[in-house]
Amino acid sequence: MPEVELYPVATLCWDPDELVKVLGIDLVFVDVDTGLDDAKMASIVLPSGTVVVLLKHERSRVRGTQLHADSKILARVVLDEFLAESGIDRHKVTWVREDE
């Protein structure tokens, strides 16, 4: 399987526990060591086959959960598909990466 470089696409306004309730799916966040900090992480495969990773660093002072995806895919494309599939309103996104 080819190695994928993930990058942050957006930040959702909820922390992981709240996000699980909002999404209403059986989403499990696991504890991981990112090399920078301990974090909670979950992954979702979108209908397009794109894998997105939801990540919350334990020491982050910023509320919310980051959405990460393959750096080769435009942030807006990933975010649009994730929002459409999850039913989350764009107003619940607190930050979006600008595509270059």
PDB file of N, CA and C in Angstrom:
ATOM      1  N   MET A   1       0.851  -1.183   0.000  1.00  0.00           N
ATOM      2  CA  MET A   1       0.000   0.000   0.000  1.00  0.00           C
ATOM      3  C   MET A   1       0.893   1.242   0.000  1.00  0.00           C
ATOM      4  N   PRO A   2       0.622   2.206  -0.878  1.00  0.00           N
ATOM      5  CA  PRO A   2       1.461   3.403  -0.954  1.00  0.00           C
ATOM      6  C   PRO A   2       1.347   4.254   0.304  1.00  0.00           C
ATOM      7  N   GLU A   3       2.449   4.896   0.648  1.00  0.00           N
ATOM      8  CA  GLU A   3       2.453   5.774   1.810  1.00  0.00           C
ATOM      9  C   GLU A   3       1.731   7.068   1.466  1.00  0.00           C
ATOM     10  N   VAL A   4       0.937   7.550   2.400  1.00  0.00           N
ATOM     11  CA  VAL A   4       0.151   8.762   2.188  1.00  0.00           C
ATOM     12  C   VAL A   4       0.600   9.818   3.184  1.00  0.00           C
ATOM     13  N   GLU A   5       0.830  11.024   2.694  1.00  0.00           N
ATOM     14  CA  GLU A   5       1.165  12.136   3.574  1.00  0.00           C
ATOM     15  C   GLU A   5      -0.131  12.870   3.910  1.00  0.00           C
ATOM     16  N   LEU A   6      -0.485  12.866   5.200  1.00  0.00           N
ATOM     17  CA  LEU A   6      -1.707  13.537   5.628  1.00  0.00           C
ATOM     18  C   LEU A   6      -1.420  14.980   5.993  1.00  0.00           C
ATOM     19  N   TYR A   7      -2.404  15.829   5.777  1.00  0.00           N
ATOM     20  CA  TYR A   7      -2.293  17.215   6.197  1.00  0.00           C
ATOM     21  C   TYR A   7      -3.651  17.679   6.697  1.00  0.00           C
ATOM     22  N   PRO A   8      -3.659  18.706   7.570  1.00  0.00           N
ATOM     23  CA  PRO A   8      -4.937  19.186   8.085  1.00  0.00           C
ATOM     24  C   PRO A   8      -5.756  19.855   6.991  1.00  0.00           C
ATOM     25  N   VAL A   9      -7.026  19.501   6.926  1.00  0.00           N
ATOM     26  CA  VAL A   9      -7.953  20.052   5.937  1.00  0.00           C
ATOM     27  C   VAL A   9      -8.839  21.112   6.579  1.00  0.00           C
ATOM     28  N   ALA A  10      -9.321  20.800   7.796  1.00  0.00           N
ATOM     29  CA  ALA A  10     -10.254  21.692   8.473  1.00  0.00           C
ATOM     30  C   ALA A  10     -10.304  21.339   9.951  1.00  0.00           C
ATOM     31  N   THR A  11     -10.926  22.214  10.721  1.00  0.00           N
ATOM     32  CA  THR A  11     -11.190  21.936  12.126  1.00  0.00           C
ATOM     33  C   THR A  11     -12.693  22.046  12.355  1.00  0.00           C
ATOM     34  N   LEU A  12     -13.245  20.992  12.959  1.00  0.00           N
ATOM     35  CA  LEU A  12     -14.661  20.968  13.311  1.00  0.00           C
ATOM     36  C   LEU A  12     -14.808  21.492  14.734  1.00  0.00           C
ATOM     37  N   CYS A  13     -15.938  22.084  15.056  1.00  0.00           N
ATOM     38  CA  CYS A  13     -16.100  22.764  16.338  1.00  0.00           C
ATOM     39  C   CYS A  13     -16.201  21.844  17.549  1.00  0.00           C
ATOM     40  N   TRP A  14     -16.391  20.545  17.347  1.00  0.00           N
ATOM     41  CA  TRP A  14     -16.584  19.635  18.472  1.00  0.00           C
ATOM     42  C   TRP A  14     -15.321  18.877  18.822  1.00  0.00           C
ATOM     43  N   ASP A  15     -15.166  18.568  20.106  1.00  0.00           N
ATOM     44  CA  ASP A  15     -14.116  17.656  20.548  1.00  0.00           C
ATOM     45  C   ASP A  15     -14.577  16.234  20.225  1.00  0.00           C
ATOM     46  N   PRO A  16     -13.669  15.240  20.256  1.00  0.00           N
ATOM     47  CA  PRO A  16     -14.013  13.880  19.824  1.00  0.00           C
ATOM     48  C   PRO A  16     -15.270  13.275  20.439  1.00  0.00           C
ATOM     49  N   ASP A  17     -15.442  13.379  21.761  1.00  0.00           N
ATOM     50  CA  ASP A  17     -16.622  12.777  22.393  1.00  0.00           C
ATOM     51  C   ASP A  17     -17.919  13.382  21.861  1.00  0.00           C
ATOM     52  N   GLU A  18     -17.910  14.692  21.657  1.00  0.00           N
ATOM     53  CA  GLU A  18     -19.097  15.372  21.127  1.00  0.00           C
ATOM     54  C   GLU A  18     -19.323  14.995  19.665  1.00  0.00           C
ATOM     55  N   LEU A  19     -18.245  14.875  18.913  1.00  0.00           N
ATOM     56  CA  LEU A  19     -18.334  14.563  17.485  1.00  0.00           C
ATOM     57  C   LEU A  19     -18.963  13.189  17.260  1.00  0.00           C
ATOM     58  N   VAL A  20     -18.627  12.228  18.103  1.00  0.00           N
ATOM     59  CA  VAL A  20     -19.220  10.892  17.994  1.00  0.00           C
ATOM     60  C   VAL A  20     -20.744  10.985  18.120  1.00  0.00           C
ATOM     61  N   LYS A  21     -21.208  11.779  19.071  1.00  0.00           N
ATOM     62  CA  LYS A  21     -22.658  11.948  19.267  1.00  0.00           C
ATOM     63  C   LYS A  21     -23.302  12.650  18.072  1.00  0.00           C
ATOM     64  N   VAL A  22     -22.642  13.668  17.550  1.00  0.00           N
ATOM     65  CA  VAL A  22     -23.169  14.434  16.417  1.00  0.00           C
ATOM     66  C   VAL A  22     -23.285  13.563  15.169  1.00  0.00           C
ATOM     67  N   LEU A  23     -22.248  12.777  14.902  1.00  0.00           N
ATOM     68  CA  LEU A  23     -22.233  11.946  13.698  1.00  0.00           C
ATOM     69  C   LEU A  23     -23.205  10.777  13.807  1.00  0.00           C
ATOM     70  N   GLY A  24     -23.447  10.317  15.024  1.00  0.00           N
ATOM     71  CA  GLY A  24     -24.393   9.224  15.220  1.00  0.00           C
ATOM     72  C   GLY A  24     -23.982   7.918  14.577  1.00  0.00           C
ATOM     73  N   ILE A  25     -22.684   7.720  14.450  1.00  0.00           N
ATOM     74  CA  ILE A  25     -22.176   6.452  13.894  1.00  0.00           C
ATOM     75  C   ILE A  25     -21.257   5.802  14.916  1.00  0.00           C
ATOM     76  N   ASP A  26     -20.941   4.563  14.712  1.00  0.00           N
ATOM     77  CA  ASP A  26     -20.068   3.836  15.615  1.00  0.00           C
ATOM     78  C   ASP A  26     -18.619   4.205  15.307  1.00  0.00           C
ATOM     79  N   LEU A  27     -18.216   5.372  15.748  1.00  0.00           N
ATOM     80  CA  LEU A  27     -16.881   5.900  15.491  1.00  0.00           C
ATOM     81  C   LEU A  27     -16.061   5.759  16.762  1.00  0.00           C
ATOM     82  N   VAL A  28     -14.906   5.129  16.661  1.00  0.00           N
ATOM     83  CA  VAL A  28     -14.070   4.894  17.833  1.00  0.00           C
ATOM     84  C   VAL A  28     -12.772   5.691  17.705  1.00  0.00           C
ATOM     85  N   PHE A  29     -12.544   6.544  18.675  1.00  0.00           N
ATOM     86  CA  PHE A  29     -11.278   7.269  18.744  1.00  0.00           C
ATOM     87  C   PHE A  29     -10.305   6.449  19.581  1.00  0.00           C
ATOM     88  N   VAL A  30      -9.095   6.282  19.082  1.00  0.00           N
ATOM     89  CA  VAL A  30      -8.057   5.543  19.806  1.00  0.00           C
ATOM     90  C   VAL A  30      -6.952   6.503  20.218  1.00  0.00           C
ATOM     91  N   ASP A  31      -6.249   6.151  21.279  1.00  0.00           N
ATOM     92  CA  ASP A  31      -5.128   6.961  21.734  1.00  0.00           C
ATOM     93  C   ASP A  31      -3.903   6.635  20.895  1.00  0.00           C
ATOM     94  N   VAL A  32      -3.224   7.675  20.405  1.00  0.00           N
ATOM     95  CA  VAL A  32      -2.025   7.507  19.586  1.00  0.00           C
ATOM     96  C   VAL A  32      -0.961   8.503  20.022  1.00  0.00           C
ATOM     97  N   ASP A  33       0.276   8.221  19.658  1.00  0.00           N
ATOM     98  CA  ASP A  33       1.381   9.144  19.863  1.00  0.00           C
ATOM     99  C   ASP A  33       1.788   9.639  18.483  1.00  0.00           C
ATOM    100  N   THR A  34       1.575  10.911  18.219  1.00  0.00           N
ATOM    101  CA  THR A  34       1.856  11.465  16.891  1.00  0.00           C
ATOM    102  C   THR A  34       3.317  11.851  16.702  1.00  0.00           C
ATOM    103  N   GLY A  35       4.101  11.726  17.757  1.00  0.00           N
ATOM    104  CA  GLY A  35       5.483  12.183  17.686  1.00  0.00           C
ATOM    105  C   GLY A  35       5.612  13.601  18.203  1.00  0.00           C
ATOM    106  N   LEU A  36       4.503  14.319  18.210  1.00  0.00           N
ATOM    107  CA  LEU A  36       4.464  15.676  18.753  1.00  0.00           C
ATOM    108  C   LEU A  36       3.761  15.699  20.101  1.00  0.00           C
ATOM    109  N   ASP A  37       2.745  14.848  20.225  1.00  0.00           N
ATOM    110  CA  ASP A  37       1.883  14.878  21.396  1.00  0.00           C
ATOM    111  C   ASP A  37       1.018  13.617  21.380  1.00  0.00           C
ATOM    112  N   ASP A  38       0.468  13.276  22.512  1.00  0.00           N
ATOM    113  CA  ASP A  38      -0.547  12.228  22.531  1.00  0.00           C
ATOM    114  C   ASP A  38      -1.805  12.802  21.907  1.00  0.00           C
ATOM    115  N   ALA A  39      -2.571  11.947  21.266  1.00  0.00           N
ATOM    116  CA  ALA A  39      -3.767  12.422  20.578  1.00  0.00           C
ATOM    117  C   ALA A  39      -4.825  11.324  20.558  1.00  0.00           C
ATOM    118  N   LYS A  40      -6.035  11.737  20.224  1.00  0.00           N
ATOM    119  CA  LYS A  40      -7.128  10.809  19.959  1.00  0.00           C
ATOM    120  C   LYS A  40      -7.349  10.840  18.452  1.00  0.00           C
ATOM    121  N   MET A  41      -7.511   9.651  17.851  1.00  0.00           N
ATOM    122  CA  MET A  41      -7.608   9.579  16.395  1.00  0.00           C
ATOM    123  C   MET A  41      -8.667   8.559  15.979  1.00  0.00           C
ATOM    124  N   ALA A  42      -9.381   8.881  14.913  1.00  0.00           N
ATOM    125  CA  ALA A  42     -10.332   7.960  14.287  1.00  0.00           C
ATOM    126  C   ALA A  42     -10.221   8.164  12.786  1.00  0.00           C
ATOM    127  N   SER A  43     -10.583   7.144  12.020  1.00  0.00           N
ATOM    128  CA  SER A  43     -10.554   7.289  10.562  1.00  0.00           C
ATOM    129  C   SER A  43     -11.899   6.874   9.979  1.00  0.00           C
ATOM    130  N   ILE A  44     -12.208   7.490   8.844  1.00  0.00           N
ATOM    131  CA  ILE A  44     -13.443   7.225   8.118  1.00  0.00           C
ATOM    132  C   ILE A  44     -13.085   7.107   6.640  1.00  0.00           C
ATOM    133  N   VAL A  45     -13.654   6.129   5.959  1.00  0.00           N
ATOM    134  CA  VAL A  45     -13.488   6.021   4.512  1.00  0.00           C
ATOM    135  C   VAL A  45     -14.726   6.618   3.865  1.00  0.00           C
ATOM    136  N   LEU A  46     -14.523   7.657   3.064  1.00  0.00           N
ATOM    137  CA  LEU A  46     -15.623   8.314   2.364  1.00  0.00           C
ATOM    138  C   LEU A  46     -16.031   7.488   1.142  1.00  0.00           C
ATOM    139  N   PRO A  47     -17.227   7.707   0.596  1.00  0.00           N
ATOM    140  CA  PRO A  47     -17.671   6.931  -0.570  1.00  0.00           C
ATOM    141  C   PRO A  47     -16.712   6.976  -1.756  1.00  0.00           C
ATOM    142  N   SER A  48     -15.962   8.062  -1.895  1.00  0.00           N
ATOM    143  CA  SER A  48     -14.989   8.169  -2.995  1.00  0.00           C
ATOM    144  C   SER A  48     -13.778   7.269  -2.779  1.00  0.00           C
ATOM    145  N   GLY A  49     -13.655   6.720  -1.568  1.00  0.00           N
ATOM    146  CA  GLY A  49     -12.478   5.919  -1.225  1.00  0.00           C
ATOM    147  C   GLY A  49     -11.435   6.709  -0.458  1.00  0.00           C
ATOM    148  N   THR A  50     -11.629   8.002  -0.351  1.00  0.00           N
ATOM    149  CA  THR A  50     -10.712   8.852   0.393  1.00  0.00           C
ATOM    150  C   THR A  50     -10.813   8.530   1.883  1.00  0.00           C
ATOM    151  N   VAL A  51      -9.667   8.340   2.504  1.00  0.00           N
ATOM    152  CA  VAL A  51      -9.625   8.104   3.942  1.00  0.00           C
ATOM    153  C   VAL A  51      -9.368   9.443   4.623  1.00  0.00           C
ATOM    154  N   VAL A  52     -10.228   9.781   5.587  1.00  0.00           N
ATOM    155  CA  VAL A  52     -10.001  10.982   6.385  1.00  0.00           C
ATOM    156  C   VAL A  52      -9.714  10.551   7.814  1.00  0.00           C
ATOM    157  N   VAL A  53      -8.866  11.318   8.462  1.00  0.00           N
ATOM    158  CA  VAL A  53      -8.493  11.052   9.847  1.00  0.00           C
ATOM    159  C   VAL A  53      -8.972  12.223  10.689  1.00  0.00           C
ATOM    160  N   LEU A  54      -9.666  11.903  11.760  1.00  0.00           N
ATOM    161  CA  LEU A  54     -10.109  12.899  12.729  1.00  0.00           C
ATOM    162  C   LEU A  54      -9.114  12.846  13.878  1.00  0.00           C
ATOM    163  N   LEU A  55      -8.570  13.997  14.264  1.00  0.00           N
ATOM    164  CA  LEU A  55      -7.462  14.031  15.215  1.00  0.00           C
ATOM    165  C   LEU A  55      -7.629  15.167  16.210  1.00  0.00           C
ATOM    166  N   LYS A  56      -7.379  14.845  17.472  1.00  0.00           N
ATOM    167  CA  LYS A  56      -7.395  15.859  18.531  1.00  0.00           C
ATOM    168  C   LYS A  56      -6.163  15.657  19.393  1.00  0.00           C
ATOM    169  N   HIS A  57      -5.243  16.627  19.371  1.00  0.00           N
ATOM    170  CA  HIS A  57      -4.056  16.580  20.216  1.00  0.00           C
ATOM    171  C   HIS A  57      -4.466  16.870  21.656  1.00  0.00           C
ATOM    172  N   GLU A  58      -3.953  16.070  22.581  1.00  0.00           N
ATOM    173  CA  GLU A  58      -4.329  16.183  23.994  1.00  0.00           C
ATOM    174  C   GLU A  58      -3.992  17.558  24.580  1.00  0.00           C
ATOM    175  N   ARG A  59      -2.871  18.122  24.201  1.00  0.00           N
ATOM    176  CA  ARG A  59      -2.448  19.410  24.789  1.00  0.00           C
ATOM    177  C   ARG A  59      -2.958  20.629  24.018  1.00  0.00           C
ATOM    178  N   SER A  60      -3.705  20.404  22.976  1.00  0.00           N
ATOM    179  CA  SER A  60      -4.206  21.529  22.185  1.00  0.00           C
ATOM    180  C   SER A  60      -5.132  22.403  23.018  1.00  0.00           C
ATOM    181  N   ARG A  61      -4.911  23.685  22.941  1.00  0.00           N
ATOM    182  CA  ARG A  61      -5.771  24.633  23.654  1.00  0.00           C
ATOM    183  C   ARG A  61      -6.953  25.050  22.791  1.00  0.00           C
ATOM    184  N   VAL A  62      -6.940  24.604  21.546  1.00  0.00           N
ATOM    185  CA  VAL A  62      -7.996  24.963  20.600  1.00  0.00           C
ATOM    186  C   VAL A  62      -9.102  23.913  20.675  1.00  0.00           C
ATOM    187  N   ARG A  63     -10.322  24.376  20.836  1.00  0.00           N
ATOM    188  CA  ARG A  63     -11.469  23.470  20.879  1.00  0.00           C
ATOM    189  C   ARG A  63     -11.709  22.914  19.481  1.00  0.00           C
ATOM    190  N   GLY A  64     -12.106  21.662  19.409  1.00  0.00           N
ATOM    191  CA  GLY A  64     -12.454  21.074  18.129  1.00  0.00           C
ATOM    192  C   GLY A  64     -11.572  19.903  17.748  1.00  0.00           C
ATOM    193  N   THR A  65     -11.947  19.268  16.651  1.00  0.00           N
ATOM    194  CA  THR A  65     -11.251  18.102  16.124  1.00  0.00           C
ATOM    195  C   THR A  65     -10.795  18.406  14.708  1.00  0.00           C
ATOM    196  N   GLN A  66      -9.540  18.111  14.416  1.00  0.00           N
ATOM    197  CA  GLN A  66      -9.006  18.355  13.077  1.00  0.00           C
ATOM    198  C   GLN A  66      -9.402  17.229  12.129  1.00  0.00           C
ATOM    199  N   LEU A  67      -9.671  17.598  10.893  1.00  0.00           N
ATOM    200  CA  LEU A  67      -9.926  16.653   9.809  1.00  0.00           C
ATOM    201  C   LEU A  67      -8.677  16.646   8.933  1.00  0.00           C
ATOM    202  N   HIS A  68      -8.061  15.469   8.746  1.00  0.00           N
ATOM    203  CA  HIS A  68      -6.856  15.334   7.936  1.00  0.00           C
ATOM    204  C   HIS A  68      -7.146  14.430   6.745  1.00  0.00           C
ATOM    205  N   ALA A  69      -6.410  14.665   5.655  1.00  0.00           N
ATOM    206  CA  ALA A  69      -6.559  13.831   4.458  1.00  0.00           C
ATOM    207  C   ALA A  69      -5.261  13.852   3.657  1.00  0.00           C
ATOM    208  N   ASP A  70      -5.230  13.041   2.617  1.00  0.00           N
ATOM    209  CA  ASP A  70      -4.086  12.938   1.715  1.00  0.00           C
ATOM    210  C   ASP A  70      -3.729  14.322   1.163  1.00  0.00           C
ATOM    211  N   SER A  71      -2.459  14.665   1.251  1.00  0.00           N
ATOM    212  CA  SER A  71      -2.020  15.994   0.806  1.00  0.00           C
ATOM    213  C   SER A  71      -2.169  16.193  -0.705  1.00  0.00           C
ATOM    214  N   LYS A  72      -2.397  15.113  -1.463  1.00  0.00           N
ATOM    215  CA  LYS A  72      -2.553  15.236  -2.918  1.00  0.00           C
ATOM    216  C   LYS A  72      -3.976  15.610  -3.327  1.00  0.00           C
ATOM    217  N   ILE A  73      -4.888  15.610  -2.370  1.00  0.00           N
ATOM    218  CA  ILE A  73      -6.293  15.925  -2.671  1.00  0.00           C
ATOM    219  C   ILE A  73      -6.597  17.330  -2.168  1.00  0.00           C
ATOM    220  N   LEU A  74      -7.262  18.128  -2.972  1.00  0.00           N
ATOM    221  CA  LEU A  74      -7.602  19.488  -2.575  1.00  0.00           C
ATOM    222  C   LEU A  74      -8.457  19.483  -1.315  1.00  0.00           C
ATOM    223  N   ALA A  75      -8.124  20.373  -0.385  1.00  0.00           N
ATOM    224  CA  ALA A  75      -8.827  20.453   0.899  1.00  0.00           C
ATOM    225  C   ALA A  75     -10.328  20.646   0.698  1.00  0.00           C
ATOM    226  N   ARG A  76     -10.717  21.527  -0.205  1.00  0.00           N
ATOM    227  CA  ARG A  76     -12.151  21.806  -0.389  1.00  0.00           C
ATOM    228  C   ARG A  76     -12.910  20.592  -0.907  1.00  0.00           C
ATOM    229  N   VAL A  77     -12.247  19.768  -1.703  1.00  0.00           N
ATOM    230  CA  VAL A  77     -12.882  18.558  -2.237  1.00  0.00           C
ATOM    231  C   VAL A  77     -13.155  17.576  -1.103  1.00  0.00           C
ATOM    232  N   VAL A  78     -12.152  17.356  -0.261  1.00  0.00           N
ATOM    233  CA  VAL A  78     -12.305  16.446   0.882  1.00  0.00           C
ATOM    234  C   VAL A  78     -13.360  16.979   1.837  1.00  0.00           C
ATOM    235  N   LEU A  79     -13.261  18.264   2.169  1.00  0.00           N
ATOM    236  CA  LEU A  79     -14.206  18.851   3.115  1.00  0.00           C
ATOM    237  C   LEU A  79     -15.632  18.794   2.585  1.00  0.00           C
ATOM    238  N   ASP A  80     -15.834  19.134   1.318  1.00  0.00           N
ATOM    239  CA  ASP A  80     -17.184  19.087   0.734  1.00  0.00           C
ATOM    240  C   ASP A  80     -17.774  17.685   0.824  1.00  0.00           C
ATOM    241  N   GLU A  81     -16.975  16.656   0.507  1.00  0.00           N
ATOM    242  CA  GLU A  81     -17.492  15.293   0.570  1.00  0.00           C
ATOM    243  C   GLU A  81     -17.774  14.883   2.016  1.00  0.00           C
ATOM    244  N   PHE A  82     -16.868  15.210   2.922  1.00  0.00           N
ATOM    245  CA  PHE A  82     -17.074  14.855   4.326  1.00  0.00           C
ATOM    246  C   PHE A  82     -18.342  15.505   4.863  1.00  0.00           C
ATOM    247  N   LEU A  83     -18.527  16.788   4.600  1.00  0.00           N
ATOM    248  CA  LEU A  83     -19.720  17.484   5.097  1.00  0.00           C
ATOM    249  C   LEU A  83     -20.991  16.914   4.485  1.00  0.00           C
ATOM    250  N   ALA A  84     -20.968  16.630   3.184  1.00  0.00           N
ATOM    251  CA  ALA A  84     -22.146  16.070   2.514  1.00  0.00           C
ATOM    252  C   ALA A  84     -22.506  14.702   3.102  1.00  0.00           C
ATOM    253  N   GLU A  85     -21.519  13.869   3.345  1.00  0.00           N
ATOM    254  CA  GLU A  85     -21.766  12.524   3.863  1.00  0.00           C
ATOM    255  C   GLU A  85     -22.165  12.526   5.337  1.00  0.00           C
ATOM    256  N   SER A  86     -21.609  13.455   6.113  1.00  0.00           N
ATOM    257  CA  SER A  86     -21.864  13.477   7.555  1.00  0.00           C
ATOM    258  C   SER A  86     -23.108  14.278   7.916  1.00  0.00           C
ATOM    259  N   GLY A  87     -23.529  15.168   7.007  1.00  0.00           N
ATOM    260  CA  GLY A  87     -24.671  16.025   7.319  1.00  0.00           C
ATOM    261  C   GLY A  87     -24.310  17.203   8.205  1.00  0.00           C
ATOM    262  N   ILE A  88     -23.022  17.411   8.416  1.00  0.00           N
ATOM    263  CA  ILE A  88     -22.576  18.536   9.245  1.00  0.00           C
ATOM    264  C   ILE A  88     -22.662  19.828   8.441  1.00  0.00           C
ATOM    265  N   ASP A  89     -23.180  20.857   9.070  1.00  0.00           N
ATOM    266  CA  ASP A  89     -23.310  22.174   8.448  1.00  0.00           C
ATOM    267  C   ASP A  89     -21.944  22.861   8.392  1.00  0.00           C
ATOM    268  N   ARG A  90     -21.681  23.540   7.301  1.00  0.00           N
ATOM    269  CA  ARG A  90     -20.395  24.232   7.114  1.00  0.00           C
ATOM    270  C   ARG A  90     -20.116  25.245   8.230  1.00  0.00           C
ATOM    271  N   HIS A  91     -21.163  25.759   8.871  1.00  0.00           N
ATOM    272  CA  HIS A  91     -20.975  26.730   9.959  1.00  0.00           C
ATOM    273  C   HIS A  91     -20.341  26.097  11.199  1.00  0.00           C
ATOM    274  N   LYS A  92     -20.284  24.774  11.246  1.00  0.00           N
ATOM    275  CA  LYS A  92     -19.663  24.067  12.371  1.00  0.00           C
ATOM    276  C   LYS A  92     -18.173  23.822  12.124  1.00  0.00           C
ATOM    277  N   VAL A  93     -17.674  24.352  11.011  1.00  0.00           N
ATOM    278  CA  VAL A  93     -16.252  24.262  10.674  1.00  0.00           C
ATOM    279  C   VAL A  93     -15.608  25.582  11.095  1.00  0.00           C
ATOM    280  N   THR A  94     -14.606  25.504  11.968  1.00  0.00           N
ATOM    281  CA  THR A  94     -14.006  26.725  12.514  1.00  0.00           C
ATOM    282  C   THR A  94     -12.757  27.181  11.763  1.00  0.00           C
ATOM    283  N   TRP A  95     -12.182  26.279  10.961  1.00  0.00           N
ATOM    284  CA  TRP A  95     -10.998  26.622  10.171  1.00  0.00           C
ATOM    285  C   TRP A  95     -10.955  25.723   8.954  1.00  0.00           C
ATOM    286  N   VAL A  96     -10.544  26.291   7.815  1.00  0.00           N
ATOM    287  CA  VAL A  96     -10.388  25.507   6.591  1.00  0.00           C
ATOM    288  C   VAL A  96      -9.048  25.848   5.945  1.00  0.00           C
ATOM    289  N   ARG A  97      -8.321  24.829   5.547  1.00  0.00           N
ATOM    290  CA  ARG A  97      -7.051  25.027   4.843  1.00  0.00           C
ATOM    291  C   ARG A  97      -7.346  25.613   3.468  1.00  0.00           C
ATOM    292  N   GLU A  98      -6.583  26.601   3.091  1.00  0.00           N
ATOM    293  CA  GLU A  98      -6.746  27.188   1.767  1.00  0.00           C
ATOM    294  C   GLU A  98      -5.892  26.403   0.779  1.00  0.00           C
ATOM    295  N   ASP A  99      -6.507  25.981  -0.309  1.00  0.00           N
ATOM    296  CA  ASP A  99      -5.765  25.272  -1.346  1.00  0.00           C
ATOM    297  C   ASP A  99      -4.847  26.251  -2.067  1.00  0.00           C
ATOM    298  N   GLU A 100      -3.685  25.742  -2.436  1.00  0.00           N
ATOM    299  CA  GLU A 100      -2.717  26.595  -3.135  1.00  0.00           C
ATOM    300  C   GLU A 100      -2.950  26.585  -4.609  1.00  0.00           C
TER     301      GLU A 100
END
